[in-house]
Amino acid sequence: VAILGVESNFGTAAGGSDALRVLASLAW
């Protein structure tokens, strides 16, 4: 539960970025 809280505020803040776009951009 603590990890869930620290990582994503217990699942409420998981992020909305396009993962493929982000990963490709970071690699690029």
mmCIF file of all heavy atoms, coordinates in Angstrom:
data_MODEL
# 
_entry.id   MODEL 
# 
loop_
_atom_site.group_PDB 
_atom_site.id 
_atom_site.type_symbol 
_atom_site.label_atom_id 
_atom_site.label_alt_id 
_atom_site.label_comp_id 
_atom_site.label_asym_id 
_atom_site.label_entity_id 
_atom_site.label_seq_id 
_atom_site.pdbx_PDB_ins_code 
_atom_site.Cartn_x 
_atom_site.Cartn_y 
_atom_site.Cartn_z 
_atom_site.occupancy 
_atom_site.B_iso_or_equiv 
_atom_site.pdbx_formal_charge 
_atom_site.auth_seq_id 
_atom_site.auth_comp_id 
_atom_site.auth_asym_id 
_atom_site.auth_atom_id 
_atom_site.pdbx_PDB_model_num 
ATOM 1   N N   . VAL A 1 1  ? 0.837  -1.209 0.000   1.00 0.00 ? 1  VAL A N   1 
ATOM 2   C CA  . VAL A 1 1  ? 0.000  0.000  0.000   1.00 0.00 ? 1  VAL A CA  1 
ATOM 3   C C   . VAL A 1 1  ? 0.866  1.251  0.000   1.00 0.00 ? 1  VAL A C   1 
ATOM 4   O O   . VAL A 1 1  ? 0.563  2.240  -0.689  1.00 0.00 ? 1  VAL A O   1 
ATOM 5   C CB  . VAL A 1 1  ? -0.951 -0.004 1.213   1.00 0.00 ? 1  VAL A CB  1 
ATOM 6   C CG1 . VAL A 1 1  ? -1.702 1.321  1.316   1.00 0.00 ? 1  VAL A CG1 1 
ATOM 7   C CG2 . VAL A 1 1  ? -1.950 -1.146 1.101   1.00 0.00 ? 1  VAL A CG2 1 
ATOM 8   N N   . ALA A 1 2  ? 1.967  1.230  0.744   1.00 0.00 ? 2  ALA A N   1 
ATOM 9   C CA  . ALA A 1 2  ? 2.846  2.399  0.786   1.00 0.00 ? 2  ALA A CA  1 
ATOM 10  C C   . ALA A 1 2  ? 3.452  2.684  -0.585  1.00 0.00 ? 2  ALA A C   1 
ATOM 11  O O   . ALA A 1 2  ? 3.527  3.847  -1.017  1.00 0.00 ? 2  ALA A O   1 
ATOM 12  C CB  . ALA A 1 2  ? 3.951  2.184  1.816   1.00 0.00 ? 2  ALA A CB  1 
ATOM 13  N N   . ILE A 1 3  ? 3.885  1.651  -1.296  1.00 0.00 ? 3  ILE A N   1 
ATOM 14  C CA  . ILE A 1 3  ? 4.419  1.859  -2.642  1.00 0.00 ? 3  ILE A CA  1 
ATOM 15  C C   . ILE A 1 3  ? 3.343  2.403  -3.563  1.00 0.00 ? 3  ILE A C   1 
ATOM 16  O O   . ILE A 1 3  ? 3.585  3.328  -4.359  1.00 0.00 ? 3  ILE A O   1 
ATOM 17  C CB  . ILE A 1 3  ? 5.027  0.554  -3.194  1.00 0.00 ? 3  ILE A CB  1 
ATOM 18  C CG1 . ILE A 1 3  ? 6.348  0.252  -2.476  1.00 0.00 ? 3  ILE A CG1 1 
ATOM 19  C CG2 . ILE A 1 3  ? 5.249  0.639  -4.702  1.00 0.00 ? 3  ILE A CG2 1 
ATOM 20  C CD1 . ILE A 1 3  ? 7.049  -1.008 -2.929  1.00 0.00 ? 3  ILE A CD1 1 
ATOM 21  N N   . LEU A 1 4  ? 2.143  1.852  -3.460  1.00 0.00 ? 4  LEU A N   1 
ATOM 22  C CA  . LEU A 1 4  ? 1.037  2.363  -4.281  1.00 0.00 ? 4  LEU A CA  1 
ATOM 23  C C   . LEU A 1 4  ? 0.786  3.833  -3.973  1.00 0.00 ? 4  LEU A C   1 
ATOM 24  O O   . LEU A 1 4  ? 0.519  4.632  -4.885  1.00 0.00 ? 4  LEU A O   1 
ATOM 25  C CB  . LEU A 1 4  ? -0.218 1.532  -4.002  1.00 0.00 ? 4  LEU A CB  1 
ATOM 26  C CG  . LEU A 1 4  ? -1.417 1.741  -4.921  1.00 0.00 ? 4  LEU A CG  1 
ATOM 27  C CD1 . LEU A 1 4  ? -1.090 1.282  -6.338  1.00 0.00 ? 4  LEU A CD1 1 
ATOM 28  C CD2 . LEU A 1 4  ? -2.634 0.986  -4.387  1.00 0.00 ? 4  LEU A CD2 1 
ATOM 29  N N   . GLY A 1 5  ? 0.914  4.214  -2.707  1.00 0.00 ? 5  GLY A N   1 
ATOM 30  C CA  . GLY A 1 5  ? 0.700  5.605  -2.326  1.00 0.00 ? 5  GLY A CA  1 
ATOM 31  C C   . GLY A 1 5  ? 1.778  6.527  -2.838  1.00 0.00 ? 5  GLY A C   1 
ATOM 32  O O   . GLY A 1 5  ? 1.492  7.619  -3.367  1.00 0.00 ? 5  GLY A O   1 
ATOM 33  N N   . VAL A 1 6  ? 3.031  6.122  -2.711  1.00 0.00 ? 6  VAL A N   1 
ATOM 34  C CA  . VAL A 1 6  ? 4.143  6.966  -3.147  1.00 0.00 ? 6  VAL A CA  1 
ATOM 35  C C   . VAL A 1 6  ? 4.200  7.056  -4.663  1.00 0.00 ? 6  VAL A C   1 
ATOM 36  O O   . VAL A 1 6  ? 4.495  8.119  -5.231  1.00 0.00 ? 6  VAL A O   1 
ATOM 37  C CB  . VAL A 1 6  ? 5.474  6.429  -2.579  1.00 0.00 ? 6  VAL A CB  1 
ATOM 38  C CG1 . VAL A 1 6  ? 6.660  7.191  -3.156  1.00 0.00 ? 6  VAL A CG1 1 
ATOM 39  C CG2 . VAL A 1 6  ? 5.486  6.524  -1.047  1.00 0.00 ? 6  VAL A CG2 1 
ATOM 40  N N   . GLU A 1 7  ? 3.915  5.947  -5.346  1.00 0.00 ? 7  GLU A N   1 
ATOM 41  C CA  . GLU A 1 7  ? 4.048  5.915  -6.804  1.00 0.00 ? 7  GLU A CA  1 
ATOM 42  C C   . GLU A 1 7  ? 2.932  6.660  -7.530  1.00 0.00 ? 7  GLU A C   1 
ATOM 43  O O   . GLU A 1 7  ? 3.192  7.371  -8.507  1.00 0.00 ? 7  GLU A O   1 
ATOM 44  C CB  . GLU A 1 7  ? 4.100  4.464  -7.293  1.00 0.00 ? 7  GLU A CB  1 
ATOM 45  C CG  . GLU A 1 7  ? 5.380  3.722  -6.961  1.00 0.00 ? 7  GLU A CG  1 
ATOM 46  C CD  . GLU A 1 7  ? 6.593  4.291  -7.674  1.00 0.00 ? 7  GLU A CD  1 
ATOM 47  O OE1 . GLU A 1 7  ? 6.423  4.931  -8.734  1.00 0.00 ? 7  GLU A OE1 1 
ATOM 48  O OE2 . GLU A 1 7  ? 7.713  4.101  -7.161  1.00 0.00 ? 7  GLU A OE2 1 
ATOM 49  N N   . SER A 1 8  ? 1.694  6.468  -7.094  1.00 0.00 ? 8  SER A N   1 
ATOM 50  C CA  . SER A 1 8  ? 0.586  7.034  -7.874  1.00 0.00 ? 8  SER A CA  1 
ATOM 51  C C   . SER A 1 8  ? -0.544 7.575  -7.008  1.00 0.00 ? 8  SER A C   1 
ATOM 52  O O   . SER A 1 8  ? -1.685 7.648  -7.472  1.00 0.00 ? 8  SER A O   1 
ATOM 53  C CB  . SER A 1 8  ? 0.024  5.966  -8.828  1.00 0.00 ? 8  SER A CB  1 
ATOM 54  O OG  . SER A 1 8  ? -0.538 4.878  -8.087  1.00 0.00 ? 8  SER A OG  1 
ATOM 55  N N   . ASN A 1 9  ? -0.203 7.979  -5.780  1.00 0.00 ? 9  ASN A N   1 
ATOM 56  C CA  . ASN A 1 9  ? -1.231 8.474  -4.857  1.00 0.00 ? 9  ASN A CA  1 
ATOM 57  C C   . ASN A 1 9  ? -2.392 7.491  -4.776  1.00 0.00 ? 9  ASN A C   1 
ATOM 58  O O   . ASN A 1 9  ? -3.556 7.850  -4.942  1.00 0.00 ? 9  ASN A O   1 
ATOM 59  C CB  . ASN A 1 9  ? -1.722 9.868  -5.271  1.00 0.00 ? 9  ASN A CB  1 
ATOM 60  C CG  . ASN A 1 9  ? -2.502 10.546 -4.162  1.00 0.00 ? 9  ASN A CG  1 
ATOM 61  O OD1 . ASN A 1 9  ? -2.310 10.270 -2.982  1.00 0.00 ? 9  ASN A OD1 1 
ATOM 62  N ND2 . ASN A 1 9  ? -3.414 11.437 -4.534  1.00 0.00 ? 9  ASN A ND2 1 
ATOM 63  N N   . PHE A 1 10 ? -2.037 6.222  -4.537  1.00 0.00 ? 10 PHE A N   1 
ATOM 64  C CA  . PHE A 1 10 ? -3.003 5.128  -4.392  1.00 0.00 ? 10 PHE A CA  1 
ATOM 65  C C   . PHE A 1 10 ? -3.836 4.917  -5.652  1.00 0.00 ? 10 PHE A C   1 
ATOM 66  O O   . PHE A 1 10 ? -5.014 4.580  -5.596  1.00 0.00 ? 10 PHE A O   1 
ATOM 67  C CB  . PHE A 1 10 ? -3.906 5.372  -3.176  1.00 0.00 ? 10 PHE A CB  1 
ATOM 68  C CG  . PHE A 1 10 ? -3.140 5.602  -1.899  1.00 0.00 ? 10 PHE A CG  1 
ATOM 69  C CD1 . PHE A 1 10 ? -3.033 6.879  -1.363  1.00 0.00 ? 10 PHE A CD1 1 
ATOM 70  C CD2 . PHE A 1 10 ? -2.489 4.561  -1.254  1.00 0.00 ? 10 PHE A CD2 1 
ATOM 71  C CE1 . PHE A 1 10 ? -2.310 7.104  -0.196  1.00 0.00 ? 10 PHE A CE1 1 
ATOM 72  C CE2 . PHE A 1 10 ? -1.759 4.791  -0.098  1.00 0.00 ? 10 PHE A CE2 1 
ATOM 73  C CZ  . PHE A 1 10 ? -1.669 6.051  0.444   1.00 0.00 ? 10 PHE A CZ  1 
ATOM 74  N N   . GLY A 1 11 ? -3.174 5.100  -6.789  1.00 0.00 ? 11 GLY A N   1 
ATOM 75  C CA  . GLY A 1 11 ? -3.813 4.811  -8.061  1.00 0.00 ? 11 GLY A CA  1 
ATOM 76  C C   . GLY A 1 11 ? -4.530 5.962  -8.712  1.00 0.00 ? 11 GLY A C   1 
ATOM 77  O O   . GLY A 1 11 ? -5.080 5.805  -9.812  1.00 0.00 ? 11 GLY A O   1 
ATOM 78  N N   . THR A 1 12 ? -4.514 7.138  -8.092  1.00 0.00 ? 12 THR A N   1 
ATOM 79  C CA  . THR A 1 12 ? -5.272 8.271  -8.638  1.00 0.00 ? 12 THR A CA  1 
ATOM 80  C C   . THR A 1 12 ? -4.434 9.190  -9.519  1.00 0.00 ? 12 THR A C   1 
ATOM 81  O O   . THR A 1 12 ? -4.980 10.074 -10.171 1.00 0.00 ? 12 THR A O   1 
ATOM 82  C CB  . THR A 1 12 ? -5.882 9.109  -7.496  1.00 0.00 ? 12 THR A CB  1 
ATOM 83  O OG1 . THR A 1 12 ? -4.828 9.687  -6.719  1.00 0.00 ? 12 THR A OG1 1 
ATOM 84  C CG2 . THR A 1 12 ? -6.759 8.243  -6.607  1.00 0.00 ? 12 THR A CG2 1 
ATOM 85  N N   . ALA A 1 13 ? -3.115 9.000  -9.533  1.00 0.00 ? 13 ALA A N   1 
ATOM 86  C CA  . ALA A 1 13 ? -2.241 9.896  -10.300 1.00 0.00 ? 13 ALA A CA  1 
ATOM 87  C C   . ALA A 1 13 ? -1.203 9.075  -11.045 1.00 0.00 ? 13 ALA A C   1 
ATOM 88  O O   . ALA A 1 13 ? -0.004 9.146  -10.772 1.00 0.00 ? 13 ALA A O   1 
ATOM 89  C CB  . ALA A 1 13 ? -1.571 10.903 -9.368  1.00 0.00 ? 13 ALA A CB  1 
ATOM 90  N N   . ALA A 1 14 ? -1.691 8.293  -12.006 1.00 0.00 ? 14 ALA A N   1 
ATOM 91  C CA  . ALA A 1 14 ? -0.803 7.395  -12.740 1.00 0.00 ? 14 ALA A CA  1 
ATOM 92  C C   . ALA A 1 14 ? -0.170 8.048  -13.958 1.00 0.00 ? 14 ALA A C   1 
ATOM 93  O O   . ALA A 1 14 ? 0.731  7.483  -14.571 1.00 0.00 ? 14 ALA A O   1 
ATOM 94  C CB  . ALA A 1 14 ? -1.559 6.137  -13.171 1.00 0.00 ? 14 ALA A CB  1 
ATOM 95  N N   . GLY A 1 15 ? -0.615 9.234  -14.327 1.00 0.00 ? 15 GLY A N   1 
ATOM 96  C CA  . GLY A 1 15 ? -0.036 9.931  -15.478 1.00 0.00 ? 15 GLY A CA  1 
ATOM 97  C C   . GLY A 1 15 ? -0.799 9.658  -16.753 1.00 0.00 ? 15 GLY A C   1 
ATOM 98  O O   . GLY A 1 15 ? -1.348 8.564  -16.938 1.00 0.00 ? 15 GLY A O   1 
ATOM 99  N N   . GLY A 1 16 ? -0.813 10.643 -17.640 1.00 0.00 ? 16 GLY A N   1 
ATOM 100 C CA  . GLY A 1 16 ? -1.565 10.505 -18.882 1.00 0.00 ? 16 GLY A CA  1 
ATOM 101 C C   . GLY A 1 16 ? -0.747 10.666 -20.135 1.00 0.00 ? 16 GLY A C   1 
ATOM 102 O O   . GLY A 1 16 ? -1.299 10.817 -21.225 1.00 0.00 ? 16 GLY A O   1 
ATOM 103 N N   . SER A 1 17 ? 0.577  10.603 -20.022 1.00 0.00 ? 17 SER A N   1 
ATOM 104 C CA  . SER A 1 17 ? 1.444  10.763 -21.195 1.00 0.00 ? 17 SER A CA  1 
ATOM 105 C C   . SER A 1 17 ? 1.433  9.499  -22.048 1.00 0.00 ? 17 SER A C   1 
ATOM 106 O O   . SER A 1 17 ? 1.299  8.381  -21.532 1.00 0.00 ? 17 SER A O   1 
ATOM 107 C CB  . SER A 1 17 ? 2.873  11.077 -20.763 1.00 0.00 ? 17 SER A CB  1 
ATOM 108 O OG  . SER A 1 17 ? 2.948  12.287 -20.048 1.00 0.00 ? 17 SER A OG  1 
ATOM 109 N N   . ASP A 1 18 ? 1.599  9.672  -23.345 1.00 0.00 ? 18 ASP A N   1 
ATOM 110 C CA  . ASP A 1 18 ? 1.711  8.548  -24.276 1.00 0.00 ? 18 ASP A CA  1 
ATOM 111 C C   . ASP A 1 18 ? 3.064  7.874  -24.042 1.00 0.00 ? 18 ASP A C   1 
ATOM 112 O O   . ASP A 1 18 ? 4.116  8.439  -24.346 1.00 0.00 ? 18 ASP A O   1 
ATOM 113 C CB  . ASP A 1 18 ? 1.609  9.075  -25.710 1.00 0.00 ? 18 ASP A CB  1 
ATOM 114 C CG  . ASP A 1 18 ? 1.717  7.983  -26.762 1.00 0.00 ? 18 ASP A CG  1 
ATOM 115 O OD1 . ASP A 1 18 ? 2.133  6.855  -26.434 1.00 0.00 ? 18 ASP A OD1 1 
ATOM 116 O OD2 . ASP A 1 18 ? 1.402  8.266  -27.931 1.00 0.00 ? 18 ASP A OD2 1 
ATOM 117 N N   . ALA A 1 19 ? 3.046  6.663  -23.488 1.00 0.00 ? 19 ALA A N   1 
ATOM 118 C CA  . ALA A 1 19 ? 4.293  5.995  -23.097 1.00 0.00 ? 19 ALA A CA  1 
ATOM 119 C C   . ALA A 1 19 ? 5.207  5.757  -24.290 1.00 0.00 ? 19 ALA A C   1 
ATOM 120 O O   . ALA A 1 19 ? 6.428  5.960  -24.196 1.00 0.00 ? 19 ALA A O   1 
ATOM 121 C CB  . ALA A 1 19 ? 3.984  4.680  -22.391 1.00 0.00 ? 19 ALA A CB  1 
ATOM 122 N N   . LEU A 1 20 ? 4.659  5.327  -25.432 1.00 0.00 ? 20 LEU A N   1 
ATOM 123 C CA  . LEU A 1 20 ? 5.502  5.085  -26.604 1.00 0.00 ? 20 LEU A CA  1 
ATOM 124 C C   . LEU A 1 20 ? 6.181  6.369  -27.071 1.00 0.00 ? 20 LEU A C   1 
ATOM 125 O O   . LEU A 1 20 ? 7.367  6.382  -27.406 1.00 0.00 ? 20 LEU A O   1 
ATOM 126 C CB  . LEU A 1 20 ? 4.677  4.492  -27.740 1.00 0.00 ? 20 LEU A CB  1 
ATOM 127 C CG  . LEU A 1 20 ? 4.394  2.983  -27.696 1.00 0.00 ? 20 LEU A CG  1 
ATOM 128 C CD1 . LEU A 1 20 ? 3.623  2.574  -28.938 1.00 0.00 ? 20 LEU A CD1 1 
ATOM 129 C CD2 . LEU A 1 20 ? 5.689  2.186  -27.604 1.00 0.00 ? 20 LEU A CD2 1 
ATOM 130 N N   . ARG A 1 21 ? 5.422  7.445  -27.098 1.00 0.00 ? 21 ARG A N   1 
ATOM 131 C CA  . ARG A 1 21 ? 5.983  8.726  -27.539 1.00 0.00 ? 21 ARG A CA  1 
ATOM 132 C C   . ARG A 1 21 ? 7.083  9.197  -26.583 1.00 0.00 ? 21 ARG A C   1 
ATOM 133 O O   . ARG A 1 21 ? 8.143  9.648  -27.011 1.00 0.00 ? 21 ARG A O   1 
ATOM 134 C CB  . ARG A 1 21 ? 4.879  9.773  -27.629 1.00 0.00 ? 21 ARG A CB  1 
ATOM 135 C CG  . ARG A 1 21 ? 5.338  11.099 -28.215 1.00 0.00 ? 21 ARG A CG  1 
ATOM 136 C CD  . ARG A 1 21 ? 4.236  12.133 -28.152 1.00 0.00 ? 21 ARG A CD  1 
ATOM 137 N NE  . ARG A 1 21 ? 4.635  13.365 -28.837 1.00 0.00 ? 21 ARG A NE  1 
ATOM 138 C CZ  . ARG A 1 21 ? 4.048  14.538 -28.640 1.00 0.00 ? 21 ARG A CZ  1 
ATOM 139 N NH1 . ARG A 1 21 ? 3.049  14.651 -27.783 1.00 0.00 ? 21 ARG A NH1 1 
ATOM 140 N NH2 . ARG A 1 21 ? 4.472  15.607 -29.314 1.00 0.00 ? 21 ARG A NH2 1 
ATOM 141 N N   . VAL A 1 22 ? 6.816  9.059  -25.283 1.00 0.00 ? 22 VAL A N   1 
ATOM 142 C CA  . VAL A 1 22 ? 7.794  9.477  -24.277 1.00 0.00 ? 22 VAL A CA  1 
ATOM 143 C C   . VAL A 1 22 ? 9.071  8.659  -24.394 1.00 0.00 ? 22 VAL A C   1 
ATOM 144 O O   . VAL A 1 22 ? 10.180 9.203  -24.411 1.00 0.00 ? 22 VAL A O   1 
ATOM 145 C CB  . VAL A 1 22 ? 7.186  9.336  -22.868 1.00 0.00 ? 22 VAL A CB  1 
ATOM 146 C CG1 . VAL A 1 22 ? 8.270  9.365  -21.802 1.00 0.00 ? 22 VAL A CG1 1 
ATOM 147 C CG2 . VAL A 1 22 ? 6.178  10.450 -22.614 1.00 0.00 ? 22 VAL A CG2 1 
ATOM 148 N N   . LEU A 1 23 ? 8.924  7.335  -24.476 1.00 0.00 ? 23 LEU A N   1 
ATOM 149 C CA  . LEU A 1 23 ? 10.103 6.467  -24.523 1.00 0.00 ? 23 LEU A CA  1 
ATOM 150 C C   . LEU A 1 23 ? 10.915 6.702  -25.787 1.00 0.00 ? 23 LEU A C   1 
ATOM 151 O O   . LEU A 1 23 ? 12.152 6.752  -25.744 1.00 0.00 ? 23 LEU A O   1 
ATOM 152 C CB  . LEU A 1 23 ? 9.662  5.001  -24.436 1.00 0.00 ? 23 LEU A CB  1 
ATOM 153 C CG  . LEU A 1 23 ? 9.048  4.580  -23.102 1.00 0.00 ? 23 LEU A CG  1 
ATOM 154 C CD1 . LEU A 1 23 ? 8.403  3.203  -23.218 1.00 0.00 ? 23 LEU A CD1 1 
ATOM 155 C CD2 . LEU A 1 23 ? 10.092 4.592  -21.995 1.00 0.00 ? 23 LEU A CD2 1 
ATOM 156 N N   . ALA A 1 24 ? 10.237 6.861  -26.912 1.00 0.00 ? 24 ALA A N   1 
ATOM 157 C CA  . ALA A 1 24 ? 10.953 7.128  -28.160 1.00 0.00 ? 24 ALA A CA  1 
ATOM 158 C C   . ALA A 1 24 ? 11.659 8.473  -28.100 1.00 0.00 ? 24 ALA A C   1 
ATOM 159 O O   . ALA A 1 24 ? 12.795 8.614  -28.573 1.00 0.00 ? 24 ALA A O   1 
ATOM 160 C CB  . ALA A 1 24 ? 9.979  7.085  -29.336 1.00 0.00 ? 24 ALA A CB  1 
ATOM 161 N N   . SER A 1 25 ? 11.012 9.469  -27.513 1.00 0.00 ? 25 SER A N   1 
ATOM 162 C CA  . SER A 1 25 ? 11.616 10.797 -27.412 1.00 0.00 ? 25 SER A CA  1 
ATOM 163 C C   . SER A 1 25 ? 12.850 10.773 -26.507 1.00 0.00 ? 25 SER A C   1 
ATOM 164 O O   . SER A 1 25 ? 13.867 11.398 -26.812 1.00 0.00 ? 25 SER A O   1 
ATOM 165 C CB  . SER A 1 25 ? 10.598 11.808 -26.883 1.00 0.00 ? 25 SER A CB  1 
ATOM 166 O OG  . SER A 1 25 ? 9.488  11.921 -27.746 1.00 0.00 ? 25 SER A OG  1 
ATOM 167 N N   . LEU A 1 26 ? 12.767 10.054 -25.384 1.00 0.00 ? 26 LEU A N   1 
ATOM 168 C CA  . LEU A 1 26 ? 13.911 9.958  -24.480 1.00 0.00 ? 26 LEU A CA  1 
ATOM 169 C C   . LEU A 1 26 ? 15.079 9.234  -25.148 1.00 0.00 ? 26 LEU A C   1 
ATOM 170 O O   . LEU A 1 26 ? 16.243 9.615  -24.985 1.00 0.00 ? 26 LEU A O   1 
ATOM 171 C CB  . LEU A 1 26 ? 13.496 9.242  -23.189 1.00 0.00 ? 26 LEU A CB  1 
ATOM 172 C CG  . LEU A 1 26 ? 12.621 10.061 -22.244 1.00 0.00 ? 26 LEU A CG  1 
ATOM 173 C CD1 . LEU A 1 26 ? 12.009 9.169  -21.167 1.00 0.00 ? 26 LEU A CD1 1 
ATOM 174 C CD2 . LEU A 1 26 ? 13.417 11.193 -21.597 1.00 0.00 ? 26 LEU A CD2 1 
ATOM 175 N N   . ALA A 1 27 ? 14.768 8.191  -25.902 1.00 0.00 ? 27 ALA A N   1 
ATOM 176 C CA  . ALA A 1 27 ? 15.826 7.489  -26.628 1.00 0.00 ? 27 ALA A CA  1 
ATOM 177 C C   . ALA A 1 27 ? 16.424 8.376  -27.707 1.00 0.00 ? 27 ALA A C   1 
ATOM 178 O O   . ALA A 1 27 ? 17.646 8.417  -27.898 1.00 0.00 ? 27 ALA A O   1 
ATOM 179 C CB  . ALA A 1 27 ? 15.263 6.211  -27.242 1.00 0.00 ? 27 ALA A CB  1 
ATOM 180 N N   . TRP A 1 28 ? 15.592 9.111  -28.401 1.00 0.00 ? 28 TRP A N   1 
ATOM 181 C CA  . TRP A 1 28 ? 16.028 10.000 -29.484 1.00 0.00 ? 28 TRP A CA  1 
ATOM 182 C C   . TRP A 1 28 ? 16.910 11.129 -28.956 1.00 0.00 ? 28 TRP A C   1 
ATOM 183 O O   . TRP A 1 28 ? 17.900 11.513 -29.584 1.00 0.00 ? 28 TRP A O   1 
ATOM 184 C CB  . TRP A 1 28 ? 14.803 10.558 -30.186 1.00 0.00 ? 28 TRP A CB  1 
ATOM 185 C CG  . TRP A 1 28 ? 15.041 11.667 -31.168 1.00 0.00 ? 28 TRP A CG  1 
ATOM 186 C CD1 . TRP A 1 28 ? 14.551 12.938 -31.094 1.00 0.00 ? 28 TRP A CD1 1 
ATOM 187 C CD2 . TRP A 1 28 ? 15.786 11.606 -32.388 1.00 0.00 ? 28 TRP A CD2 1 
ATOM 188 N NE1 . TRP A 1 28 ? 14.949 13.680 -32.175 1.00 0.00 ? 28 TRP A NE1 1 
ATOM 189 C CE2 . TRP A 1 28 ? 15.715 12.883 -32.989 1.00 0.00 ? 28 TRP A CE2 1 
ATOM 190 C CE3 . TRP A 1 28 ? 16.509 10.610 -33.014 1.00 0.00 ? 28 TRP A CE3 1 
ATOM 191 C CZ2 . TRP A 1 28 ? 16.338 13.170 -34.203 1.00 0.00 ? 28 TRP A CZ2 1 
ATOM 192 C CZ3 . TRP A 1 28 ? 17.142 10.885 -34.225 1.00 0.00 ? 28 TRP A CZ3 1 
ATOM 193 C CH2 . TRP A 1 28 ? 17.048 12.158 -34.798 1.00 0.00 ? 28 TRP A CH2 1 
# 
